[in-house]
Amino acid sequence: MAFGLWFTLFELLLKLFLILAFVKKGSAGITSTFTRTKWQSFDIPLDHKVLAIPNGYNAPQQVHITQGDYDGKAVMISWVTADKPGSSRVQYGTSENKYDFKADGTVANYTFYNYKSGYIHHCLVDGLEYEIKYYYKIGEGHSSREFWFQTPPKIDPDSPFTFGIIGDLGQTYNSLSTLEHYMQSGGQTVLFLGDLSYADRYQYNDVGIRWDSWGRFIERSAAYQPWIWSAGNHEIEYMPDVGEVLPFKSFLHRFSTPHLASRSKNPLWYAIRRASAHIIVLSSYSPHVKYTPQWLWLRDELKRVDRKKTPWLIIIMHVPIYNSNQAHFMEGESMRAVFERWFVRHRVDFIFAGHVHAYERSLNV
């Protein structure tokens, strides 16, 4: 019995719980009661309908959005076209099928071993108004596709908002059940704790192919609401046997972050403000000891927190600084030793982390 319980916990590929911390009437601290069925943790086959390539020549795929600025009045829309670059333009407006505005983005691709990615588009749509539903259209001709998103409420201590917390997702059948559960939960924005596709468990060209399938997998949610990204160990992809030694290569090409808006010089660590929350993203696998760029940036960013405007201070990272499990025990100790005193001094409300495939939370520190 004990072994069966341990096995079930260890097999959890995702830690999902919803903190309904900013709901109306002040109710807070509610954790999801979701219990996933014991499905096999096999990767979904590439020919499964949830990984399907959209119809149409050069149709946009792998569509996802993230916050595009510091205060939630911009989004970065990203997508891939497989056959040719095509247009990087986003048409958008406040009425369905009526696009009064447009924005032009950039396009690039990359190689990984002998794999050549599709054409990856990133387009910043800014100057948006709070609490407005926007419709957007990407692609060309009959292959164009349409989506929508809702902007958050203004930065204000009384602005309610619901975040979903997801980490270590992958693309197994368990991943699918968890994503479907999240989509039914009412979450408005995902704070993603690293370890996205697990494509690094594959070899050669299959690494890139599994990044593509994961992009299509999350599109059902990520095309309609921002996913706020942090990177984990499975994004490093250090594979010298095939000549790939640049850390985070696939991740940095595919996923944009608004790091410049928070005065960060590196997309792996940054901050945003959304509704009543100030959210800081840290990189567990980048240098963070004293006087490193991440250390210097965090020192300054914590000084920018205004609790009169954003009373909730949230930090997300991949490796937990506290962990009682044998798996990955003490791996977050170096970051704890450097940053714990800052977290206490600045009264951080929540630190969300992934990496350990089990659920655990601590008492207040």
Protein backbone atom coordinates (compact mmCIF):
# COMPACT_ATOMS: atom_id res chain seq x y z
CA MET A 1 0.00 0.00 0.00
CA ALA A 2 2.77 2.43 0.95
CA PHE A 3 4.64 1.65 -2.26
CA GLY A 4 1.50 2.22 -4.32
CA LEU A 5 0.94 5.63 -2.75
CA TRP A 6 4.59 6.59 -3.29
CA PHE A 7 4.40 5.47 -6.90
CA THR A 8 1.28 7.49 -7.56
CA LEU A 9 2.85 10.64 -6.15
CA PHE A 10 6.13 10.17 -7.96
CA GLU A 11 4.35 9.58 -11.26
CA LEU A 12 2.60 12.94 -11.10
CA LEU A 13 4.11 14.81 -14.03
CA LEU A 14 2.43 18.04 -13.09
CA LYS A 15 1.72 19.98 -9.97
CA LEU A 16 -1.56 21.80 -10.53
CA PHE A 17 -3.46 23.76 -8.01
CA LEU A 18 -5.41 26.97 -8.36
CA ILE A 19 -4.85 29.70 -5.83
CA LEU A 20 -8.06 31.74 -5.96
CA ALA A 21 -6.28 34.47 -4.06
CA PHE A 22 -7.88 37.46 -5.65
CA VAL A 23 -11.53 36.56 -5.85
CA LYS A 24 -14.32 38.92 -5.02
CA LYS A 25 -15.44 39.17 -1.37
CA GLY A 26 -11.88 38.48 -0.23
CA SER A 27 -11.98 34.68 -0.18
CA ALA A 28 -8.49 33.23 -0.63
CA GLY A 29 -6.33 30.15 -0.28
CA ILE A 30 -8.60 27.66 -2.06
CA THR A 31 -6.76 24.70 -3.57
CA SER A 32 -8.20 22.56 -6.35
CA THR A 33 -9.67 19.23 -5.24
CA PHE A 34 -8.91 17.65 -8.61
CA THR A 35 -7.65 14.06 -8.45
CA ARG A 36 -6.37 12.72 -11.75
CA THR A 37 -7.24 9.20 -12.84
CA LYS A 38 -4.40 6.70 -13.06
CA TRP A 39 -3.78 6.94 -16.78
CA GLN A 40 -0.56 5.62 -18.25
CA SER A 41 2.15 8.27 -18.48
CA PHE A 42 2.99 7.58 -22.12
CA ASP A 43 3.56 10.40 -24.58
CA ILE A 44 0.60 11.05 -26.83
CA PRO A 45 1.23 9.67 -30.35
CA LEU A 46 1.96 12.26 -33.00
CA ASP A 47 -1.10 11.23 -35.00
CA HIS A 48 -3.47 11.89 -32.07
CA LYS A 49 -6.11 14.55 -32.73
CA VAL A 50 -4.90 16.78 -29.87
CA LEU A 51 -1.56 17.18 -31.69
CA ALA A 52 -3.12 17.67 -35.13
CA ILE A 53 -1.67 20.15 -37.61
CA PRO A 54 -4.34 22.73 -38.59
CA ASN A 55 -5.85 22.52 -42.06
CA GLY A 56 -4.67 24.81 -44.83
CA TYR A 57 -1.41 25.52 -46.59
CA ASN A 58 1.03 27.25 -44.24
CA ALA A 59 -1.69 27.69 -41.63
CA PRO A 60 -0.48 29.22 -38.33
CA GLN A 61 0.05 26.61 -35.64
CA GLN A 62 1.42 26.45 -32.09
CA VAL A 63 -0.29 29.76 -31.31
CA HIS A 64 0.35 31.10 -27.82
CA ILE A 65 0.34 34.44 -26.06
CA THR A 66 2.11 35.92 -23.07
CA GLN A 67 2.06 39.30 -21.38
CA GLY A 68 3.94 41.77 -23.52
CA ASP A 69 4.73 44.57 -21.09
CA TYR A 70 5.10 45.34 -17.38
CA ASP A 71 1.50 46.25 -16.54
CA GLY A 72 -0.76 44.06 -18.69
CA LYS A 73 -1.70 46.43 -21.52
CA ALA A 74 0.16 44.43 -24.19
CA VAL A 75 0.41 40.84 -25.36
CA MET A 76 3.06 39.02 -27.33
CA ILE A 77 1.43 36.70 -29.85
CA SER A 78 3.59 33.86 -31.18
CA TRP A 79 2.99 31.20 -33.80
CA VAL A 80 4.72 28.98 -36.35
CA THR A 81 4.23 28.59 -40.09
CA ALA A 82 5.63 25.37 -41.48
CA ASP A 83 6.04 25.92 -45.23
CA LYS A 84 7.22 29.49 -45.73
CA PRO A 85 7.59 32.65 -43.61
CA GLY A 86 4.33 34.22 -44.70
CA SER A 87 3.02 37.27 -42.91
CA SER A 88 3.97 38.24 -39.35
CA ARG A 89 1.02 40.61 -39.09
CA VAL A 90 -1.67 40.42 -36.42
CA GLN A 91 -5.03 41.97 -37.16
CA TYR A 92 -7.13 42.68 -34.08
CA GLY A 93 -10.15 44.51 -32.74
CA THR A 94 -12.87 44.49 -30.11
CA SER A 95 -15.57 42.91 -32.28
CA GLU A 96 -15.59 39.44 -33.77
CA ASN A 97 -14.65 39.38 -37.47
CA LYS A 98 -13.94 43.11 -37.39
CA TYR A 99 -10.27 43.99 -37.15
CA ASP A 100 -9.68 47.73 -36.92
CA PHE A 101 -6.04 47.52 -35.85
CA LYS A 102 -2.88 45.78 -36.96
CA ALA A 103 0.62 45.10 -35.69
CA ASP A 104 3.64 43.66 -37.47
CA GLY A 105 6.07 41.26 -35.85
CA THR A 106 9.27 39.39 -36.60
CA VAL A 107 10.00 35.94 -37.99
CA ALA A 108 13.01 33.63 -37.60
CA ASN A 109 13.87 29.95 -37.44
CA TYR A 110 16.62 27.78 -36.00
CA THR A 111 18.24 24.39 -36.40
CA PHE A 112 18.82 21.66 -33.84
CA TYR A 113 21.05 18.87 -35.14
CA ASN A 114 19.52 18.20 -38.58
CA TYR A 115 16.08 19.47 -37.61
CA LYS A 116 15.07 22.83 -39.07
CA SER A 117 12.24 24.57 -37.30
CA GLY A 118 9.29 26.18 -38.96
CA TYR A 119 9.12 29.94 -39.21
CA ILE A 120 8.56 31.31 -35.70
CA HIS A 121 6.65 34.58 -35.49
CA HIS A 122 6.52 36.95 -32.52
CA CYS A 123 4.29 40.04 -32.69
CA LEU A 124 3.83 42.60 -29.92
CA VAL A 125 0.32 44.02 -29.68
CA ASP A 126 0.40 47.00 -27.32
CA GLY A 127 -1.66 50.02 -26.34
CA LEU A 128 -4.55 47.82 -25.23
CA GLU A 129 -7.26 48.78 -22.76
CA TYR A 130 -7.92 46.93 -19.51
CA GLU A 131 -10.79 44.45 -19.18
CA ILE A 132 -11.55 44.26 -22.87
CA LYS A 133 -12.05 41.15 -25.00
CA TYR A 134 -9.93 41.40 -28.14
CA TYR A 135 -10.27 39.23 -31.22
CA TYR A 136 -7.23 38.59 -33.39
CA LYS A 137 -6.47 37.04 -36.75
CA ILE A 138 -3.18 35.63 -38.06
CA GLY A 139 -2.17 33.95 -41.30
CA GLU A 140 -3.11 34.57 -44.89
CA GLY A 141 -6.09 33.82 -47.11
CA HIS A 142 -8.11 30.69 -46.48
CA SER A 143 -5.43 29.42 -44.08
CA SER A 144 -5.84 32.32 -41.64
CA ARG A 145 -7.01 31.57 -38.11
CA GLU A 146 -8.89 33.59 -35.52
CA PHE A 147 -8.62 33.66 -31.72
CA TRP A 148 -9.40 35.99 -28.81
CA PHE A 149 -8.06 37.04 -25.41
CA GLN A 150 -9.22 39.12 -22.45
CA THR A 151 -7.03 41.85 -20.99
CA PRO A 152 -6.70 41.94 -17.19
CA PRO A 153 -8.17 44.54 -14.86
CA LYS A 154 -6.12 47.62 -14.09
CA ILE A 155 -3.25 47.53 -11.61
CA ASP A 156 -5.07 48.02 -8.34
CA PRO A 157 -5.04 46.41 -4.89
CA ASP A 158 -8.72 45.49 -5.24
CA SER A 159 -8.51 43.98 -8.74
CA PRO A 160 -9.61 40.32 -8.57
CA PHE A 161 -7.80 37.73 -10.67
CA THR A 162 -7.41 33.96 -10.85
CA PHE A 163 -4.05 32.38 -11.73
CA GLY A 164 -3.44 28.76 -12.62
CA ILE A 165 -0.18 27.15 -11.57
CA ILE A 166 1.25 24.51 -13.92
CA GLY A 167 4.67 22.90 -14.03
CA ASP A 168 6.43 19.91 -15.60
CA LEU A 169 3.60 19.41 -18.07
CA GLY A 170 5.01 17.28 -20.89
CA GLN A 171 2.71 15.74 -23.48
CA THR A 172 1.44 12.50 -21.97
CA TYR A 173 -2.13 11.38 -21.49
CA ASN A 174 -1.80 12.62 -17.89
CA SER A 175 -0.75 15.99 -19.29
CA LEU A 176 -3.92 16.05 -21.35
CA SER A 177 -6.19 15.29 -18.40
CA THR A 178 -4.55 18.04 -16.35
CA LEU A 179 -4.75 20.62 -19.14
CA GLU A 180 -8.40 19.81 -19.70
CA HIS A 181 -9.04 20.20 -15.97
CA TYR A 182 -7.31 23.56 -15.92
CA MET A 183 -9.38 24.79 -18.86
CA GLN A 184 -12.56 24.03 -16.90
CA SER A 185 -11.34 25.76 -13.76
CA GLY A 186 -11.88 29.41 -14.60
CA GLY A 187 -8.18 30.28 -14.48
CA GLN A 188 -7.36 33.47 -16.37
CA THR A 189 -3.58 33.25 -16.74
CA VAL A 190 -1.09 30.40 -16.30
CA LEU A 191 2.07 30.84 -14.26
CA PHE A 192 4.24 28.11 -15.78
CA LEU A 193 6.95 26.69 -13.54
CA GLY A 194 9.31 25.24 -16.13
CA ASP A 195 9.81 21.89 -17.89
CA LEU A 196 7.54 22.39 -20.86
CA SER A 197 7.62 19.74 -23.59
CA TYR A 198 10.13 17.15 -22.32
CA ALA A 199 11.39 17.05 -25.90
CA ASP A 200 14.90 16.51 -24.58
CA ARG A 201 13.95 12.91 -23.76
CA TYR A 202 14.08 12.30 -27.51
CA GLN A 203 17.07 12.18 -29.83
CA TYR A 204 18.22 13.82 -33.01
CA ASN A 205 15.46 15.40 -35.12
CA ASP A 206 12.75 14.11 -32.80
CA VAL A 207 13.70 16.80 -30.28
CA GLY A 208 12.41 19.53 -32.56
CA ILE A 209 9.43 17.47 -33.69
CA ARG A 210 8.29 17.06 -30.10
CA TRP A 211 8.61 20.79 -29.49
CA ASP A 212 6.25 21.29 -32.42
CA SER A 213 3.75 18.76 -31.10
CA TRP A 214 3.80 20.39 -27.64
CA GLY A 215 3.12 23.79 -29.17
CA ARG A 216 0.03 22.39 -30.85
CA PHE A 217 -0.95 20.60 -27.65
CA ILE A 218 -1.12 23.73 -25.47
CA GLU A 219 -2.67 25.95 -28.15
CA ARG A 220 -6.21 25.14 -26.95
CA SER A 221 -5.46 27.24 -23.86
CA ALA A 222 -2.35 29.31 -24.60
CA ALA A 223 -3.82 30.97 -27.71
CA TYR A 224 -6.59 32.47 -25.58
CA GLN A 225 -4.88 33.54 -22.37
CA PRO A 226 -1.31 34.43 -21.38
CA TRP A 227 1.04 31.75 -20.17
CA ILE A 228 3.86 33.32 -18.13
CA TRP A 229 7.00 31.31 -18.80
CA SER A 230 9.87 30.15 -16.64
CA ALA A 231 12.50 27.63 -17.77
CA GLY A 232 13.41 24.30 -16.17
CA ASN A 233 16.15 21.72 -16.58
CA HIS A 234 14.40 20.05 -19.51
CA GLU A 235 14.77 23.30 -21.48
CA ILE A 236 18.58 23.28 -21.20
CA GLU A 237 19.04 20.63 -23.94
CA TYR A 238 22.81 20.35 -23.63
CA MET A 239 23.57 17.59 -26.15
CA PRO A 240 27.25 17.74 -27.20
CA ASP A 241 27.04 14.33 -28.87
CA VAL A 242 24.98 15.94 -31.64
CA GLY A 243 26.79 19.28 -31.53
CA GLU A 244 24.15 21.16 -29.50
CA VAL A 245 25.74 23.00 -26.57
CA LEU A 246 23.82 26.30 -26.40
CA PRO A 247 21.56 26.15 -23.32
CA PHE A 248 17.85 26.91 -23.73
CA LYS A 249 18.18 27.15 -27.51
CA SER A 250 14.75 25.80 -28.42
CA PHE A 251 13.01 27.56 -25.55
CA LEU A 252 14.43 30.99 -26.32
CA HIS A 253 13.55 30.78 -29.99
CA ARG A 254 9.99 29.62 -29.39
CA PHE A 255 8.86 31.51 -26.28
CA SER A 256 9.08 35.25 -25.80
CA THR A 257 9.11 37.01 -22.43
CA PRO A 258 8.70 40.73 -21.63
CA HIS A 259 12.06 40.95 -19.88
CA LEU A 260 13.05 44.34 -21.27
CA ALA A 261 9.93 45.90 -19.76
CA SER A 262 11.24 45.02 -16.29
CA ARG A 263 14.80 46.19 -17.06
CA SER A 264 16.14 42.65 -17.31
CA LYS A 265 18.83 41.94 -19.85
CA ASN A 266 17.99 38.24 -20.03
CA PRO A 267 14.65 36.66 -21.04
CA LEU A 268 15.06 33.92 -18.43
CA TRP A 269 14.34 36.27 -15.51
CA TYR A 270 11.87 39.14 -15.51
CA ALA A 271 8.82 40.56 -13.76
CA ILE A 272 5.28 41.60 -14.59
CA ARG A 273 2.39 43.22 -12.77
CA ARG A 274 -1.10 41.86 -13.37
CA ALA A 275 -4.24 43.00 -11.58
CA SER A 276 -3.26 43.06 -7.87
CA ALA A 277 -0.16 40.88 -8.19
CA HIS A 278 3.52 41.59 -8.76
CA ILE A 279 5.04 38.44 -10.28
CA ILE A 280 8.78 37.78 -10.41
CA VAL A 281 10.19 34.99 -12.60
CA LEU A 282 13.59 33.57 -11.64
CA SER A 283 15.90 31.17 -13.48
CA SER A 284 17.07 28.24 -11.37
CA TYR A 285 19.69 27.26 -13.96
CA SER A 286 21.31 30.64 -14.49
CA PRO A 287 24.00 32.10 -12.19
CA HIS A 288 22.41 33.78 -9.17
CA VAL A 289 25.16 34.27 -6.59
CA LYS A 290 26.18 37.72 -5.43
CA TYR A 291 26.84 40.32 -8.14
CA THR A 292 25.72 38.08 -11.03
CA PRO A 293 23.27 39.71 -13.47
CA GLN A 294 20.27 37.84 -12.04
CA TRP A 295 21.24 38.78 -8.46
CA LEU A 296 21.67 42.45 -9.37
CA TRP A 297 18.39 42.54 -11.26
CA LEU A 298 16.37 40.90 -8.46
CA ARG A 299 17.81 43.27 -5.89
CA ASP A 300 16.55 46.22 -7.92
CA GLU A 301 13.22 44.65 -8.88
CA LEU A 302 12.26 43.94 -5.28
CA LYS A 303 12.72 47.65 -4.56
CA ARG A 304 10.20 48.43 -7.31
CA VAL A 305 7.40 46.47 -5.64
CA ASP A 306 4.62 48.82 -4.54
CA ARG A 307 2.35 46.97 -2.11
CA LYS A 308 -0.17 49.84 -2.25
CA LYS A 309 -0.79 48.94 -5.89
CA THR A 310 0.07 45.22 -5.96
CA PRO A 311 -0.34 43.78 -2.45
CA TRP A 312 0.38 40.24 -3.65
CA LEU A 313 4.05 39.43 -4.33
CA ILE A 314 4.54 36.11 -6.12
CA ILE A 315 7.79 34.46 -7.20
CA ILE A 316 7.96 31.55 -9.62
CA MET A 317 10.97 29.35 -10.35
CA HIS A 318 11.62 25.77 -11.34
CA VAL A 319 13.59 24.26 -8.45
CA PRO A 320 11.97 24.63 -5.00
CA ILE A 321 14.10 26.15 -2.26
CA TYR A 322 12.33 23.91 0.28
CA ASN A 323 11.76 20.23 -0.50
CA SER A 324 11.44 17.22 1.81
CA ASN A 325 11.25 14.63 -0.99
CA GLN A 326 14.20 12.39 -1.83
CA ALA A 327 13.79 13.37 -5.47
CA HIS A 328 15.86 16.52 -6.13
CA PHE A 329 16.52 16.98 -2.41
CA MET A 330 18.53 20.16 -1.65
CA GLU A 331 18.91 21.10 -5.32
CA GLY A 332 17.51 24.54 -4.56
CA GLU A 333 19.88 25.16 -1.66
CA SER A 334 22.17 27.57 -3.52
CA MET A 335 19.27 29.84 -4.43
CA ARG A 336 17.83 29.58 -0.93
CA ALA A 337 21.16 30.58 0.60
CA VAL A 338 21.37 33.68 -1.60
CA PHE A 339 17.75 34.87 -1.81
CA GLU A 340 15.88 33.59 1.26
CA ARG A 341 16.68 36.64 3.38
CA TRP A 342 15.41 38.91 0.61
CA PHE A 343 12.19 36.91 0.30
CA VAL A 344 11.59 37.23 4.04
CA ARG A 345 12.53 40.90 4.20
CA HIS A 346 10.23 41.82 1.32
CA ARG A 347 7.40 39.62 2.66
CA VAL A 348 6.94 37.48 -0.44
CA ASP A 349 3.46 35.92 -0.30
CA PHE A 350 3.96 32.85 -2.50
CA ILE A 351 6.87 31.02 -4.09
CA PHE A 352 5.70 28.48 -6.65
CA ALA A 353 8.15 25.88 -7.99
CA GLY A 354 8.01 22.64 -9.96
CA HIS A 355 10.73 20.03 -10.60
CA VAL A 356 9.75 17.58 -7.83
CA HIS A 357 6.91 15.47 -9.19
CA ALA A 358 4.84 15.64 -6.03
CA TYR A 359 2.69 18.21 -4.24
CA GLU A 360 4.06 19.89 -1.13
CA ARG A 361 3.55 23.23 0.56
CA SER A 362 5.08 24.78 3.64
CA LEU A 363 3.83 26.87 6.52
CA ASN A 364 4.51 30.58 6.45
CA VAL A 365 8.19 31.42 6.79
